[in-house]
């Protein structure tokens, strides 16, 4: 079985988000007792850099997720309709 690797590659320059990357690192620290976060979500207005941020973070932390990385583009699921049901993301 091949681990999923769905994080989109960076297509723009990444700047001035080191503190945010460090914060994401802190959320996903492995617990010595085996407990860890298995899911994370970023939200915000279109165009603020969510995809760029997560792409950069996932790129630099790939080894932390040996079972793979999955990416869901909610804008595509909405089809341009604000408030549309995006529950399909659970089945992607």
N, C-alpha and C. Protein backbone atom coordinates (compact mmCIF):
# COMPACT_ATOMS: atom_id res chain seq x y z
N UNK A 1 0.84 -1.17 0.00
CA UNK A 1 0.00 0.00 0.00
C UNK A 1 0.89 1.25 0.00
N UNK A 2 0.58 2.19 -0.84
CA UNK A 2 1.35 3.42 -0.95
C UNK A 2 0.67 4.51 -0.12
N UNK A 3 1.45 5.21 0.69
CA UNK A 3 0.92 6.30 1.51
C UNK A 3 0.51 7.46 0.61
N UNK A 4 -0.64 8.09 0.88
CA UNK A 4 -1.07 9.23 0.06
C UNK A 4 -0.14 10.43 0.25
N UNK A 5 0.11 11.13 -0.81
CA UNK A 5 0.94 12.33 -0.78
C UNK A 5 0.24 13.38 -1.64
N UNK A 6 -0.78 14.02 -1.06
CA UNK A 6 -1.68 14.88 -1.83
C UNK A 6 -1.46 16.37 -1.62
N UNK A 7 -0.48 16.76 -0.84
CA UNK A 7 -0.27 18.18 -0.56
C UNK A 7 0.22 18.86 -1.84
N UNK A 8 -0.45 19.94 -2.26
CA UNK A 8 -0.04 20.62 -3.49
C UNK A 8 1.33 21.27 -3.34
N UNK A 9 2.12 21.27 -4.41
CA UNK A 9 3.43 21.92 -4.34
C UNK A 9 3.29 23.43 -4.25
N UNK A 10 4.28 24.07 -3.66
CA UNK A 10 4.27 25.53 -3.58
C UNK A 10 4.41 26.12 -4.97
N UNK A 11 3.60 27.11 -5.24
CA UNK A 11 3.67 27.78 -6.55
C UNK A 11 4.01 29.26 -6.40
N UNK A 12 4.12 29.72 -5.16
CA UNK A 12 4.46 31.12 -4.87
C UNK A 12 5.56 31.15 -3.82
N UNK A 13 6.20 32.30 -3.67
CA UNK A 13 7.22 32.45 -2.64
C UNK A 13 6.57 32.47 -1.27
N UNK A 14 7.26 31.90 -0.31
CA UNK A 14 6.75 31.81 1.06
C UNK A 14 7.56 32.75 1.94
N UNK A 15 6.87 33.68 2.62
CA UNK A 15 7.56 34.67 3.44
C UNK A 15 6.81 34.97 4.73
N UNK A 16 7.58 35.32 5.75
CA UNK A 16 7.06 35.90 6.99
C UNK A 16 6.02 35.06 7.72
N UNK A 17 6.12 33.76 7.68
CA UNK A 17 5.15 32.92 8.39
C UNK A 17 5.84 31.92 9.31
N UNK A 18 7.10 32.19 9.67
CA UNK A 18 7.86 31.24 10.49
C UNK A 18 7.19 30.99 11.84
N UNK A 19 6.65 32.01 12.48
CA UNK A 19 5.99 31.82 13.78
C UNK A 19 4.76 30.93 13.63
N UNK A 20 4.02 31.10 12.56
CA UNK A 20 2.84 30.26 12.34
C UNK A 20 3.25 28.82 12.07
N UNK A 21 4.32 28.61 11.31
CA UNK A 21 4.83 27.26 11.08
C UNK A 21 5.24 26.61 12.39
N UNK A 22 5.91 27.37 13.25
CA UNK A 22 6.32 26.84 14.55
C UNK A 22 5.10 26.47 15.40
N UNK A 23 4.05 27.26 15.31
CA UNK A 23 2.83 26.96 16.06
C UNK A 23 2.22 25.65 15.56
N UNK A 24 2.18 25.46 14.25
CA UNK A 24 1.68 24.19 13.70
C UNK A 24 2.53 23.03 14.17
N UNK A 25 3.84 23.20 14.19
CA UNK A 25 4.73 22.14 14.70
C UNK A 25 4.33 21.75 16.12
N UNK A 26 4.03 22.75 16.95
CA UNK A 26 3.65 22.50 18.33
C UNK A 26 2.36 21.73 18.48
N UNK A 27 1.42 21.92 17.56
CA UNK A 27 0.15 21.21 17.63
C UNK A 27 0.30 19.72 17.34
N UNK A 28 1.31 19.37 16.57
CA UNK A 28 1.44 17.99 16.12
C UNK A 28 2.66 17.29 16.70
N UNK A 29 2.97 17.56 17.96
CA UNK A 29 4.09 16.91 18.63
C UNK A 29 3.64 15.52 19.06
N UNK A 30 4.46 14.54 18.78
CA UNK A 30 4.14 13.16 19.18
C UNK A 30 4.22 13.03 20.70
N UNK A 31 3.21 12.38 21.28
CA UNK A 31 3.15 12.13 22.71
C UNK A 31 3.88 10.81 22.99
N UNK A 32 4.77 10.78 23.99
CA UNK A 32 5.49 9.53 24.29
C UNK A 32 4.56 8.38 24.68
N UNK A 33 3.35 8.70 25.14
CA UNK A 33 2.38 7.67 25.50
C UNK A 33 1.55 7.20 24.32
N UNK A 34 1.82 7.75 23.14
CA UNK A 34 1.13 7.31 21.94
C UNK A 34 -0.02 8.19 21.49
N UNK A 35 -0.45 9.14 22.34
CA UNK A 35 -1.54 10.01 21.94
C UNK A 35 -0.99 11.13 21.05
N UNK A 36 -1.71 11.45 19.99
CA UNK A 36 -1.29 12.53 19.11
C UNK A 36 -2.49 13.05 18.33
N UNK A 37 -2.34 14.23 17.78
CA UNK A 37 -3.40 14.80 16.95
C UNK A 37 -3.36 14.09 15.61
N UNK A 38 -4.51 13.64 15.13
CA UNK A 38 -4.56 12.96 13.86
C UNK A 38 -5.19 13.78 12.76
N UNK A 39 -5.67 14.96 13.11
CA UNK A 39 -6.37 15.78 12.13
C UNK A 39 -6.17 17.25 12.47
N UNK A 40 -5.99 18.06 11.47
CA UNK A 40 -5.90 19.50 11.67
C UNK A 40 -6.60 20.20 10.54
N UNK A 41 -7.15 21.37 10.79
CA UNK A 41 -7.84 22.13 9.76
C UNK A 41 -7.47 23.60 9.88
N UNK A 42 -7.23 24.23 8.75
CA UNK A 42 -7.01 25.67 8.70
C UNK A 42 -8.23 26.30 8.06
N UNK A 43 -8.58 27.48 8.53
CA UNK A 43 -9.71 28.17 7.93
C UNK A 43 -9.39 29.66 7.82
N UNK A 44 -10.08 30.31 6.95
CA UNK A 44 -9.89 31.74 6.76
C UNK A 44 -10.46 32.17 5.42
N UNK A 45 -10.43 33.46 5.20
CA UNK A 45 -10.95 34.01 3.96
C UNK A 45 -10.13 33.53 2.76
N UNK A 46 -10.73 33.49 1.58
CA UNK A 46 -9.98 33.11 0.38
C UNK A 46 -8.83 34.08 0.14
N UNK A 47 -7.70 33.53 -0.25
CA UNK A 47 -6.57 34.35 -0.65
C UNK A 47 -5.63 34.78 0.46
N UNK A 48 -5.84 34.31 1.71
CA UNK A 48 -4.97 34.74 2.80
C UNK A 48 -3.71 33.88 2.94
N UNK A 49 -3.64 32.79 2.18
CA UNK A 49 -2.43 31.97 2.19
C UNK A 49 -2.52 30.65 2.93
N UNK A 50 -3.73 30.12 3.11
CA UNK A 50 -3.89 28.85 3.82
C UNK A 50 -3.20 27.70 3.08
N UNK A 51 -3.43 27.60 1.79
CA UNK A 51 -2.84 26.51 1.01
C UNK A 51 -1.32 26.64 0.98
N UNK A 52 -0.82 27.85 0.82
CA UNK A 52 0.62 28.05 0.81
C UNK A 52 1.22 27.67 2.15
N UNK A 53 0.58 28.07 3.24
CA UNK A 53 1.07 27.76 4.58
C UNK A 53 1.12 26.25 4.80
N UNK A 54 0.02 25.57 4.52
CA UNK A 54 -0.03 24.13 4.79
C UNK A 54 0.91 23.37 3.84
N UNK A 55 1.06 23.84 2.63
CA UNK A 55 1.98 23.18 1.70
C UNK A 55 3.41 23.27 2.21
N UNK A 56 3.81 24.44 2.67
CA UNK A 56 5.16 24.62 3.20
C UNK A 56 5.37 23.80 4.45
N UNK A 57 4.39 23.81 5.36
CA UNK A 57 4.50 23.07 6.61
C UNK A 57 4.56 21.57 6.33
N UNK A 58 3.71 21.08 5.46
CA UNK A 58 3.70 19.65 5.14
C UNK A 58 4.99 19.23 4.45
N UNK A 59 5.52 20.09 3.61
CA UNK A 59 6.76 19.80 2.90
C UNK A 59 7.92 19.62 3.89
N UNK A 60 8.01 20.51 4.86
CA UNK A 60 9.14 20.44 5.79
C UNK A 60 8.93 19.38 6.88
N UNK A 61 7.70 18.88 7.06
CA UNK A 61 7.44 17.89 8.09
C UNK A 61 6.97 16.55 7.58
N UNK A 62 7.25 16.28 6.32
CA UNK A 62 6.78 15.04 5.68
C UNK A 62 7.11 13.78 6.49
N UNK A 63 8.30 13.72 7.08
CA UNK A 63 8.72 12.53 7.83
C UNK A 63 7.90 12.32 9.10
N UNK A 64 7.20 13.33 9.55
CA UNK A 64 6.36 13.21 10.74
C UNK A 64 5.05 12.47 10.46
N UNK A 65 4.74 12.26 9.19
CA UNK A 65 3.50 11.61 8.80
C UNK A 65 3.79 10.44 7.86
N UNK A 66 4.36 9.36 8.38
CA UNK A 66 4.74 8.23 7.52
C UNK A 66 3.55 7.54 6.86
N UNK A 67 2.35 7.73 7.40
CA UNK A 67 1.16 7.11 6.81
C UNK A 67 0.57 7.93 5.68
N UNK A 68 1.15 9.11 5.42
CA UNK A 68 0.71 9.92 4.30
C UNK A 68 0.08 11.24 4.71
N UNK A 69 -0.18 12.05 3.70
CA UNK A 69 -0.77 13.37 3.87
C UNK A 69 -1.89 13.53 2.85
N UNK A 70 -3.05 13.97 3.32
CA UNK A 70 -4.22 14.15 2.46
C UNK A 70 -4.59 15.63 2.44
N UNK A 71 -4.99 16.12 1.28
CA UNK A 71 -5.37 17.52 1.11
C UNK A 71 -6.77 17.58 0.50
N UNK A 72 -7.62 18.43 1.05
CA UNK A 72 -8.96 18.62 0.52
C UNK A 72 -9.13 20.10 0.17
N UNK A 73 -9.49 20.38 -1.06
CA UNK A 73 -9.75 21.75 -1.50
C UNK A 73 -11.25 22.01 -1.36
N UNK A 74 -11.63 22.66 -0.27
CA UNK A 74 -13.05 22.90 0.00
C UNK A 74 -13.68 23.84 -1.02
N UNK A 75 -12.90 24.74 -1.58
CA UNK A 75 -13.45 25.64 -2.60
C UNK A 75 -13.97 24.84 -3.79
N UNK A 76 -13.25 23.81 -4.17
CA UNK A 76 -13.69 22.96 -5.28
C UNK A 76 -14.96 22.21 -4.92
N UNK A 77 -15.04 21.72 -3.67
CA UNK A 77 -16.24 20.99 -3.24
C UNK A 77 -17.47 21.90 -3.21
N UNK A 78 -17.26 23.17 -2.84
CA UNK A 78 -18.38 24.12 -2.80
C UNK A 78 -18.86 24.48 -4.19
N UNK A 79 -17.98 24.37 -5.16
CA UNK A 79 -18.36 24.74 -6.52
C UNK A 79 -18.64 26.22 -6.67
N UNK A 80 -18.00 27.05 -5.83
CA UNK A 80 -18.20 28.48 -5.91
C UNK A 80 -19.43 28.98 -5.18
N UNK A 81 -20.14 28.10 -4.49
CA UNK A 81 -21.36 28.49 -3.78
C UNK A 81 -21.05 28.63 -2.29
N UNK A 82 -21.13 29.83 -1.78
CA UNK A 82 -20.88 30.06 -0.36
C UNK A 82 -21.91 29.33 0.48
N UNK A 83 -21.45 28.68 1.53
CA UNK A 83 -22.36 27.98 2.44
C UNK A 83 -22.80 26.61 1.95
N UNK A 84 -22.23 26.14 0.86
CA UNK A 84 -22.62 24.82 0.33
C UNK A 84 -22.13 23.72 1.26
N UNK A 85 -22.74 22.54 1.13
CA UNK A 85 -22.38 21.39 1.96
C UNK A 85 -21.06 20.82 1.47
N UNK A 86 -20.06 20.83 2.34
CA UNK A 86 -18.75 20.29 1.97
C UNK A 86 -18.46 18.98 2.70
N UNK A 87 -19.51 18.31 3.18
CA UNK A 87 -19.34 17.06 3.92
C UNK A 87 -18.73 15.96 3.05
N UNK A 88 -18.76 16.12 1.73
CA UNK A 88 -18.13 15.15 0.83
C UNK A 88 -16.64 15.00 1.11
N UNK A 89 -16.04 16.00 1.72
CA UNK A 89 -14.61 15.95 2.02
C UNK A 89 -14.27 14.74 2.89
N UNK A 90 -15.20 14.30 3.69
CA UNK A 90 -14.96 13.12 4.56
C UNK A 90 -14.80 11.85 3.74
N UNK A 91 -15.25 11.83 2.53
CA UNK A 91 -15.20 10.62 1.70
C UNK A 91 -14.19 10.73 0.57
N UNK A 92 -13.41 11.80 0.54
CA UNK A 92 -12.42 11.96 -0.53
C UNK A 92 -11.27 10.99 -0.35
